[in-house]
Structures are given as structure tokens and as C-alpha cells.
Amino acid sequence: MKENLGNINGFKVGEYFVTFPPGDFIKEDADGKMYAVVDIYKIEKNNKATKVKQDSLTKELEEQINDELNKFLLAALQQDKDNINK
């Protein structure tokens, strides 16, 4: 299924677009580790995108997405810290 990503909030990682599904997207596994649920789309030349299946993700792409998510979280934490210290 191809989708137009023009009105969807998310971020790009190379030729992929990462979005958060509606509702609670932060989950906890049985070991108590937190993780984010994301939808990943491969962007095509016509600005349409095809959803990527979880089992077809490369370790490299997973690491790139995790790096971006960590940057967002660290920036949000820093902003909260700055707001508290004002």
C-alpha cells in the first residue's frame, strides 16, 4: 500500500520516513526496558511511500532510527531542565 506522507508528522532517516502511530507509542517489555513503537516507510521518487515490514529492517537502519530518537529525547530533556532552571 502506497501512502502520501505530506500531512504526516515524523522524521526522515535517509530514504525512510519514521512516524509514531496514534495512541501510546512508548511501551515496556517484560524486562522493564522502554521502547518506542514506530511506523517506517520507504520514500519513493514520486513522494509516495511504502510501509516497511519489521522483519525486513536492517540493523544499520534500526541503529540510525534509534540514534535520531535518542537525539529527540535528549533535546526534550535538556529543554525541560532549562525550563526548570529559569
PDB file of N, CA and C in Angstrom:
ATOM      1  N   MET A   1       0.839  -1.177   0.000  1.00  0.00           N
ATOM      2  CA  MET A   1       0.000   0.000   0.000  1.00  0.00           C
ATOM      3  C   MET A   1       0.886   1.243   0.000  1.00  0.00           C
ATOM      4  N   LYS A   2       0.654   2.135  -0.913  1.00  0.00           N
ATOM      5  CA  LYS A   2       1.433   3.362  -1.004  1.00  0.00           C
ATOM      6  C   LYS A   2       0.658   4.499  -0.355  1.00  0.00           C
ATOM      7  N   GLU A   3       1.381   5.349   0.375  1.00  0.00           N
ATOM      8  CA  GLU A   3       0.752   6.456   1.079  1.00  0.00           C
ATOM      9  C   GLU A   3       1.434   7.760   0.727  1.00  0.00           C
ATOM     10  N   ASN A   4       0.673   8.837   0.788  1.00  0.00           N
ATOM     11  CA  ASN A   4       1.224  10.168   0.623  1.00  0.00           C
ATOM     12  C   ASN A   4       1.575  10.676   2.018  1.00  0.00           C
ATOM     13  N   LEU A   5       2.835  11.018   2.248  1.00  0.00           N
ATOM     14  CA  LEU A   5       3.280  11.409   3.579  1.00  0.00           C
ATOM     15  C   LEU A   5       3.247  12.913   3.807  1.00  0.00           C
ATOM     16  N   GLY A   6       2.614  13.656   2.912  1.00  0.00           N
ATOM     17  CA  GLY A   6       2.610  15.109   3.008  1.00  0.00           C
ATOM     18  C   GLY A   6       2.051  15.664   4.297  1.00  0.00           C
ATOM     19  N   ASN A   7       1.089  15.010   4.924  1.00  0.00           N
ATOM     20  CA  ASN A   7       0.441  15.546   6.126  1.00  0.00           C
ATOM     21  C   ASN A   7       0.716  14.730   7.383  1.00  0.00           C
ATOM     22  N   ILE A   8       1.708  13.863   7.339  1.00  0.00           N
ATOM     23  CA  ILE A   8       2.011  13.009   8.479  1.00  0.00           C
ATOM     24  C   ILE A   8       3.249  13.549   9.191  1.00  0.00           C
ATOM     25  N   ASN A   9       3.176  13.679  10.519  1.00  0.00           N
ATOM     26  CA  ASN A   9       4.322  14.135  11.302  1.00  0.00           C
ATOM     27  C   ASN A   9       5.292  12.983  11.523  1.00  0.00           C
ATOM     28  N   GLY A  10       6.565  13.288  11.392  1.00  0.00           N
ATOM     29  CA  GLY A  10       7.591  12.287  11.604  1.00  0.00           C
ATOM     30  C   GLY A  10       8.944  12.865  11.237  1.00  0.00           C
ATOM     31  N   PHE A  11       9.896  11.997  10.964  1.00  0.00           N
ATOM     32  CA  PHE A  11      11.235  12.450  10.606  1.00  0.00           C
ATOM     33  C   PHE A  11      11.844  11.496   9.584  1.00  0.00           C
ATOM     34  N   LYS A  12      12.790  12.058   8.811  1.00  0.00           N
ATOM     35  CA  LYS A  12      13.462  11.280   7.776  1.00  0.00           C
ATOM     36  C   LYS A  12      14.761  10.695   8.300  1.00  0.00           C
ATOM     37  N   VAL A  13      15.036   9.496   7.846  1.00  0.00           N
ATOM     38  CA  VAL A  13      16.324   8.844   8.062  1.00  0.00           C
ATOM     39  C   VAL A  13      16.716   8.278   6.706  1.00  0.00           C
ATOM     40  N   GLY A  14      17.599   8.983   6.020  1.00  0.00           N
ATOM     41  CA  GLY A  14      17.981   8.555   4.677  1.00  0.00           C
ATOM     42  C   GLY A  14      16.773   8.559   3.753  1.00  0.00           C
ATOM     43  N   GLU A  15      16.510   7.427   3.121  1.00  0.00           N
ATOM     44  CA  GLU A  15      15.363   7.322   2.211  1.00  0.00           C
ATOM     45  C   GLU A  15      14.119   6.759   2.903  1.00  0.00           C
ATOM     46  N   TYR A  16      14.096   6.852   4.233  1.00  0.00           N
ATOM     47  CA  TYR A  16      12.971   6.343   5.014  1.00  0.00           C
ATOM     48  C   TYR A  16      12.329   7.475   5.797  1.00  0.00           C
ATOM     49  N   PHE A  17      11.040   7.315   6.097  1.00  0.00           N
ATOM     50  CA  PHE A  17      10.284   8.268   6.894  1.00  0.00           C
ATOM     51  C   PHE A  17       9.721   7.518   8.084  1.00  0.00           C
ATOM     52  N   VAL A  18       9.940   8.044   9.280  1.00  0.00           N
ATOM     53  CA  VAL A  18       9.548   7.371  10.518  1.00  0.00           C
ATOM     54  C   VAL A  18       8.437   8.183  11.183  1.00  0.00           C
ATOM     55  N   THR A  19       7.346   7.516  11.544  1.00  0.00           N
ATOM     56  CA  THR A  19       6.219   8.164  12.213  1.00  0.00           C
ATOM     57  C   THR A  19       5.863   7.391  13.475  1.00  0.00           C
ATOM     58  N   PHE A  20       5.087   8.038  14.320  1.00  0.00           N
ATOM     59  CA  PHE A  20       4.596   7.389  15.531  1.00  0.00           C
ATOM     60  C   PHE A  20       3.122   7.062  15.330  1.00  0.00           C
ATOM     61  N   PRO A  21       2.708   5.844  15.636  1.00  0.00           N
ATOM     62  CA  PRO A  21       1.290   5.502  15.492  1.00  0.00           C
ATOM     63  C   PRO A  21       0.455   6.258  16.524  1.00  0.00           C
ATOM     64  N   PRO A  22      -0.833   6.408  16.258  1.00  0.00           N
ATOM     65  CA  PRO A  22      -1.694   7.102  17.231  1.00  0.00           C
ATOM     66  C   PRO A  22      -1.738   6.355  18.563  1.00  0.00           C
ATOM     67  N   GLY A  23      -1.982   7.092  19.623  1.00  0.00           N
ATOM     68  CA  GLY A  23      -2.094   6.478  20.946  1.00  0.00           C
ATOM     69  C   GLY A  23      -0.744   6.360  21.633  1.00  0.00           C
ATOM     70  N   ASP A  24      -0.678   5.455  22.578  1.00  0.00           N
ATOM     71  CA  ASP A  24       0.547   5.252  23.351  1.00  0.00           C
ATOM     72  C   ASP A  24       1.577   4.522  22.499  1.00  0.00           C
ATOM     73  N   PHE A  25       2.663   5.197  22.184  1.00  0.00           N
ATOM     74  CA  PHE A  25       3.694   4.567  21.362  1.00  0.00           C
ATOM     75  C   PHE A  25       4.953   4.246  22.164  1.00  0.00           C
ATOM     76  N   ILE A  26       4.970   4.600  23.452  1.00  0.00           N
ATOM     77  CA  ILE A  26       6.069   4.193  24.328  1.00  0.00           C
ATOM     78  C   ILE A  26       5.588   2.966  25.096  1.00  0.00           C
ATOM     79  N   LYS A  27       6.334   1.893  24.982  1.00  0.00           N
ATOM     80  CA  LYS A  27       5.953   0.613  25.590  1.00  0.00           C
ATOM     81  C   LYS A  27       7.074   0.125  26.498  1.00  0.00           C
ATOM     82  N   GLU A  28       6.763  -0.895  27.292  1.00  0.00           N
ATOM     83  CA  GLU A  28       7.745  -1.517  28.178  1.00  0.00           C
ATOM     84  C   GLU A  28       7.708  -3.021  27.942  1.00  0.00           C
ATOM     85  N   ASP A  29       8.892  -3.627  27.789  1.00  0.00           N
ATOM     86  CA  ASP A  29       8.925  -5.074  27.566  1.00  0.00           C
ATOM     87  C   ASP A  29       8.921  -5.807  28.908  1.00  0.00           C
ATOM     88  N   ALA A  30       8.941  -7.135  28.867  1.00  0.00           N
ATOM     89  CA  ALA A  30       8.863  -7.960  30.073  1.00  0.00           C
ATOM     90  C   ALA A  30      10.037  -7.721  31.015  1.00  0.00           C
ATOM     91  N   ASP A  31      11.171  -7.257  30.476  1.00  0.00           N
ATOM     92  CA  ASP A  31      12.353  -6.987  31.298  1.00  0.00           C
ATOM     93  C   ASP A  31      12.379  -5.571  31.853  1.00  0.00           C
ATOM     94  N   GLY A  32      11.346  -4.786  31.573  1.00  0.00           N
ATOM     95  CA  GLY A  32      11.270  -3.426  32.074  1.00  0.00           C
ATOM     96  C   GLY A  32      11.968  -2.401  31.199  1.00  0.00           C
ATOM     97  N   LYS A  33      12.417  -2.799  30.018  1.00  0.00           N
ATOM     98  CA  LYS A  33      13.077  -1.869  29.096  1.00  0.00           C
ATOM     99  C   LYS A  33      12.020  -1.130  28.290  1.00  0.00           C
ATOM    100  N   MET A  34      12.235   0.180  28.144  1.00  0.00           N
ATOM    101  CA  MET A  34      11.300   1.017  27.397  1.00  0.00           C
ATOM    102  C   MET A  34      11.705   1.067  25.928  1.00  0.00           C
ATOM    103  N   TYR A  35      10.700   1.161  25.066  1.00  0.00           N
ATOM    104  CA  TYR A  35      10.966   1.289  23.636  1.00  0.00           C
ATOM    105  C   TYR A  35       9.818   2.051  22.989  1.00  0.00           C
ATOM    106  N   ALA A  36      10.103   2.613  21.818  1.00  0.00           N
ATOM    107  CA  ALA A  36       9.096   3.360  21.070  1.00  0.00           C
ATOM    108  C   ALA A  36       8.617   2.505  19.898  1.00  0.00           C
ATOM    109  N   VAL A  37       7.322   2.506  19.699  1.00  0.00           N
ATOM    110  CA  VAL A  37       6.730   1.841  18.542  1.00  0.00           C
ATOM    111  C   VAL A  37       6.704   2.868  17.419  1.00  0.00           C
ATOM    112  N   VAL A  38       7.228   2.523  16.259  1.00  0.00           N
ATOM    113  CA  VAL A  38       7.247   3.442  15.126  1.00  0.00           C
ATOM    114  C   VAL A  38       6.754   2.726  13.877  1.00  0.00           C
ATOM    115  N   ASP A  39       6.249   3.517  12.956  1.00  0.00           N
ATOM    116  CA  ASP A  39       5.922   3.028  11.620  1.00  0.00           C
ATOM    117  C   ASP A  39       6.992   3.574  10.693  1.00  0.00           C
ATOM    118  N   ILE A  40       7.522   2.716   9.835  1.00  0.00           N
ATOM    119  CA  ILE A  40       8.605   3.111   8.945  1.00  0.00           C
ATOM    120  C   ILE A  40       8.146   2.932   7.507  1.00  0.00           C
ATOM    121  N   TYR A  41       8.390   3.969   6.697  1.00  0.00           N
ATOM    122  CA  TYR A  41       8.006   3.963   5.284  1.00  0.00           C
ATOM    123  C   TYR A  41       9.226   4.227   4.428  1.00  0.00           C
ATOM    124  N   LYS A  42       9.328   3.527   3.319  1.00  0.00           N
ATOM    125  CA  LYS A  42      10.380   3.804   2.350  1.00  0.00           C
ATOM    126  C   LYS A  42       9.819   4.827   1.369  1.00  0.00           C
ATOM    127  N   ILE A  43      10.530   5.947   1.228  1.00  0.00           N
ATOM    128  CA  ILE A  43      10.090   7.030   0.357  1.00  0.00           C
ATOM    129  C   ILE A  43      10.518   6.722  -1.075  1.00  0.00           C
ATOM    130  N   GLU A  44       9.575   6.897  -1.975  1.00  0.00           N
ATOM    131  CA  GLU A  44       9.856   6.678  -3.387  1.00  0.00           C
ATOM    132  C   GLU A  44       9.980   8.011  -4.107  1.00  0.00           C
ATOM    133  N   LYS A  45      10.419   7.980  -5.349  1.00  0.00           N
ATOM    134  CA  LYS A  45      10.685   9.205  -6.113  1.00  0.00           C
ATOM    135  C   LYS A  45       9.457  10.086  -6.285  1.00  0.00           C
ATOM    136  N   ASN A  46       8.274   9.528  -6.343  1.00  0.00           N
ATOM    137  CA  ASN A  46       7.058  10.308  -6.554  1.00  0.00           C
ATOM    138  C   ASN A  46       6.447  10.821  -5.245  1.00  0.00           C
ATOM    139  N   ASN A  47       7.246  10.829  -4.169  1.00  0.00           N
ATOM    140  CA  ASN A  47       6.832  11.259  -2.837  1.00  0.00           C
ATOM    141  C   ASN A  47       5.739  10.374  -2.246  1.00  0.00           C
ATOM    142  N   LYS A  48       5.600   9.206  -2.782  1.00  0.00           N
ATOM    143  CA  LYS A  48       4.734   8.199  -2.174  1.00  0.00           C
ATOM    144  C   LYS A  48       5.625   7.307  -1.340  1.00  0.00           C
ATOM    145  N   ALA A  49       5.027   6.535  -0.460  1.00  0.00           N
ATOM    146  CA  ALA A  49       5.822   5.698   0.422  1.00  0.00           C
ATOM    147  C   ALA A  49       5.153   4.358   0.639  1.00  0.00           C
ATOM    148  N   THR A  50       5.971   3.361   0.883  1.00  0.00           N
ATOM    149  CA  THR A  50       5.502   2.013   1.159  1.00  0.00           C
ATOM    150  C   THR A  50       5.939   1.636   2.567  1.00  0.00           C
ATOM    151  N   LYS A  51       4.995   1.149   3.371  1.00  0.00           N
ATOM    152  CA  LYS A  51       5.320   0.761   4.742  1.00  0.00           C
ATOM    153  C   LYS A  51       6.289  -0.421   4.726  1.00  0.00           C
ATOM    154  N   VAL A  52       7.294  -0.332   5.578  1.00  0.00           N
ATOM    155  CA  VAL A  52       8.320  -1.367   5.667  1.00  0.00           C
ATOM    156  C   VAL A  52       7.929  -2.350   6.762  1.00  0.00           C
ATOM    157  N   LYS A  53       8.051  -3.628   6.465  1.00  0.00           N
ATOM    158  CA  LYS A  53       7.759  -4.651   7.469  1.00  0.00           C
ATOM    159  C   LYS A  53       8.930  -4.756   8.441  1.00  0.00           C
ATOM    160  N   GLN A  54       8.610  -4.981   9.699  1.00  0.00           N
ATOM    161  CA  GLN A  54       9.616  -5.046  10.758  1.00  0.00           C
ATOM    162  C   GLN A  54      10.721  -6.050  10.444  1.00  0.00           C
ATOM    163  N   ASP A  55      10.366  -7.194   9.894  1.00  0.00           N
ATOM    164  CA  ASP A  55      11.373  -8.238   9.650  1.00  0.00           C
ATOM    165  C   ASP A  55      12.305  -7.924   8.476  1.00  0.00           C
ATOM    166  N   SER A  56      12.036  -6.847   7.737  1.00  0.00           N
ATOM    167  CA  SER A  56      12.910  -6.501   6.621  1.00  0.00           C
ATOM    168  C   SER A  56      13.856  -5.340   6.947  1.00  0.00           C
ATOM    169  N   LEU A  57      13.839  -4.871   8.200  1.00  0.00           N
ATOM    170  CA  LEU A  57      14.725  -3.779   8.612  1.00  0.00           C
ATOM    171  C   LEU A  57      16.145  -4.291   8.801  1.00  0.00           C
ATOM    172  N   THR A  58      17.097  -3.492   8.374  1.00  0.00           N
ATOM    173  CA  THR A  58      18.497  -3.841   8.608  1.00  0.00           C
ATOM    174  C   THR A  58      18.908  -3.321   9.992  1.00  0.00           C
ATOM    175  N   LYS A  59      19.935  -3.915  10.551  1.00  0.00           N
ATOM    176  CA  LYS A  59      20.460  -3.451  11.837  1.00  0.00           C
ATOM    177  C   LYS A  59      20.932  -1.999  11.721  1.00  0.00           C
ATOM    178  N   GLU A  60      21.530  -1.664  10.582  1.00  0.00           N
ATOM    179  CA  GLU A  60      22.020  -0.305  10.362  1.00  0.00           C
ATOM    180  C   GLU A  60      20.880   0.709  10.412  1.00  0.00           C
ATOM    181  N   LEU A  61      19.765   0.409   9.746  1.00  0.00           N
ATOM    182  CA  LEU A  61      18.615   1.312   9.759  1.00  0.00           C
ATOM    183  C   LEU A  61      18.037   1.420  11.167  1.00  0.00           C
ATOM    184  N   GLU A  62      17.932   0.305  11.878  1.00  0.00           N
ATOM    185  CA  GLU A  62      17.441   0.340  13.254  1.00  0.00           C
ATOM    186  C   GLU A  62      18.315   1.243  14.117  1.00  0.00           C
ATOM    187  N   GLU A  63      19.634   1.149  13.951  1.00  0.00           N
ATOM    188  CA  GLU A  63      20.556   1.970  14.726  1.00  0.00           C
ATOM    189  C   GLU A  63      20.398   3.448  14.374  1.00  0.00           C
ATOM    190  N   GLN A  64      20.220   3.756  13.104  1.00  0.00           N
ATOM    191  CA  GLN A  64      20.048   5.148  12.684  1.00  0.00           C
ATOM    192  C   GLN A  64      18.766   5.732  13.271  1.00  0.00           C
ATOM    193  N   ILE A  65      17.695   4.951  13.256  1.00  0.00           N
ATOM    194  CA  ILE A  65      16.424   5.407  13.829  1.00  0.00           C
ATOM    195  C   ILE A  65      16.570   5.591  15.336  1.00  0.00           C
ATOM    196  N   ASN A  66      17.212   4.644  16.006  1.00  0.00           N
ATOM    197  CA  ASN A  66      17.433   4.773  17.452  1.00  0.00           C
ATOM    198  C   ASN A  66      18.267   6.002  17.779  1.00  0.00           C
ATOM    199  N   ASP A  67      19.284   6.287  16.975  1.00  0.00           N
ATOM    200  CA  ASP A  67      20.108   7.481  17.194  1.00  0.00           C
ATOM    201  C   ASP A  67      19.270   8.746  17.102  1.00  0.00           C
ATOM    202  N   GLU A  68      18.395   8.821  16.088  1.00  0.00           N
ATOM    203  CA  GLU A  68      17.535  10.004  15.939  1.00  0.00           C
ATOM    204  C   GLU A  68      16.572  10.137  17.110  1.00  0.00           C
ATOM    205  N   LEU A  69      15.971   9.023  17.530  1.00  0.00           N
ATOM    206  CA  LEU A  69      15.052   9.065  18.674  1.00  0.00           C
ATOM    207  C   LEU A  69      15.786   9.530  19.934  1.00  0.00           C
ATOM    208  N   ASN A  70      17.001   9.042  20.134  1.00  0.00           N
ATOM    209  CA  ASN A  70      17.783   9.460  21.301  1.00  0.00           C
ATOM    210  C   ASN A  70      18.094  10.950  21.253  1.00  0.00           C
ATOM    211  N   LYS A  71      18.388  11.480  20.063  1.00  0.00           N
ATOM    212  CA  LYS A  71      18.634  12.918  19.933  1.00  0.00           C
ATOM    213  C   LYS A  71      17.397  13.715  20.342  1.00  0.00           C
ATOM    214  N   PHE A  72      16.214  13.266  19.906  1.00  0.00           N
ATOM    215  CA  PHE A  72      14.972  13.954  20.261  1.00  0.00           C
ATOM    216  C   PHE A  72      14.734  13.910  21.770  1.00  0.00           C
ATOM    217  N   LEU A  73      14.952  12.749  22.367  1.00  0.00           N
ATOM    218  CA  LEU A  73      14.739  12.609  23.804  1.00  0.00           C
ATOM    219  C   LEU A  73      15.714  13.469  24.599  1.00  0.00           C
ATOM    220  N   LEU A  74      16.979  13.464  24.212  1.00  0.00           N
ATOM    221  CA  LEU A  74      17.965  14.283  24.916  1.00  0.00           C
ATOM    222  C   LEU A  74      17.650  15.776  24.784  1.00  0.00           C
ATOM    223  N   ALA A  75      17.205  16.196  23.610  1.00  0.00           N
ATOM    224  CA  ALA A  75      16.838  17.603  23.405  1.00  0.00           C
ATOM    225  C   ALA A  75      15.633  17.977  24.277  1.00  0.00           C
ATOM    226  N   ALA A  76      14.655  17.078  24.365  1.00  0.00           N
ATOM    227  CA  ALA A  76      13.472  17.343  25.194  1.00  0.00           C
ATOM    228  C   ALA A  76      13.849  17.402  26.667  1.00  0.00           C
ATOM    229  N   LEU A  77      14.718  16.510  27.108  1.00  0.00           N
ATOM    230  CA  LEU A  77      15.164  16.523  28.500  1.00  0.00           C
ATOM    231  C   LEU A  77      15.933  17.810  28.814  1.00  0.00           C
ATOM    232  N   GLN A  78      16.782  18.232  27.882  1.00  0.00           N
ATOM    233  CA  GLN A  78      17.536  19.466  28.082  1.00  0.00           C
ATOM    234  C   GLN A  78      16.598  20.665  28.150  1.00  0.00           C
ATOM    235  N   GLN A  79      15.573  20.682  27.301  1.00  0.00           N
ATOM    236  CA  GLN A  79      14.608  21.782  27.317  1.00  0.00           C
ATOM    237  C   GLN A  79      13.863  21.824  28.642  1.00  0.00           C
ATOM    238  N   ASP A  80      13.451  20.656  29.147  1.00  0.00           N
ATOM    239  CA  ASP A  80      12.792  20.608  30.453  1.00  0.00           C
ATOM    240  C   ASP A  80      13.716  21.125  31.548  1.00  0.00           C
ATOM    241  N   LYS A  81      14.975  20.699  31.504  1.00  0.00           N
ATOM    242  CA  LYS A  81      15.954  21.140  32.500  1.00  0.00           C
ATOM    243  C   LYS A  81      16.135  22.650  32.437  1.00  0.00           C
ATOM    244  N   ASP A  82      16.228  23.195  31.222  1.00  0.00           N
ATOM    245  CA  ASP A  82      16.385  24.641  31.050  1.00  0.00           C
ATOM    246  C   ASP A  82      15.163  25.390  31.577  1.00  0.00           C
ATOM    247  N   ASN A  83      13.970  24.851  31.339  1.00  0.00           N
ATOM    248  CA  ASN A  83      12.739  25.490  31.804  1.00  0.00           C
ATOM    249  C   ASN A  83      12.659  25.480  33.341  1.00  0.00           C
ATOM    250  N   ILE A  84      13.136  24.418  33.955  1.00  0.00           N
ATOM    251  CA  ILE A  84      13.115  24.322  35.423  1.00  0.00           C
ATOM    252  C   ILE A  84      14.082  25.326  36.034  1.00  0.00           C
ATOM    253  N   ASN A  85      15.220  25.515  35.368  1.00  0.00           N
ATOM    254  CA  ASN A  85      16.268  26.401  35.902  1.00  0.00           C
ATOM    255  C   ASN A  85      16.024  27.876  35.617  1.00  0.00           C
ATOM    256  N   LYS A  86      14.929  28.229  34.970  1.00  0.00           N
ATOM    257  CA  LYS A  86      14.636  29.647  34.669  1.00  0.00           C
ATOM    258  C   LYS A  86      14.113  30.357  35.880  1.00  0.00           C
TER     259      LYS A  86
END
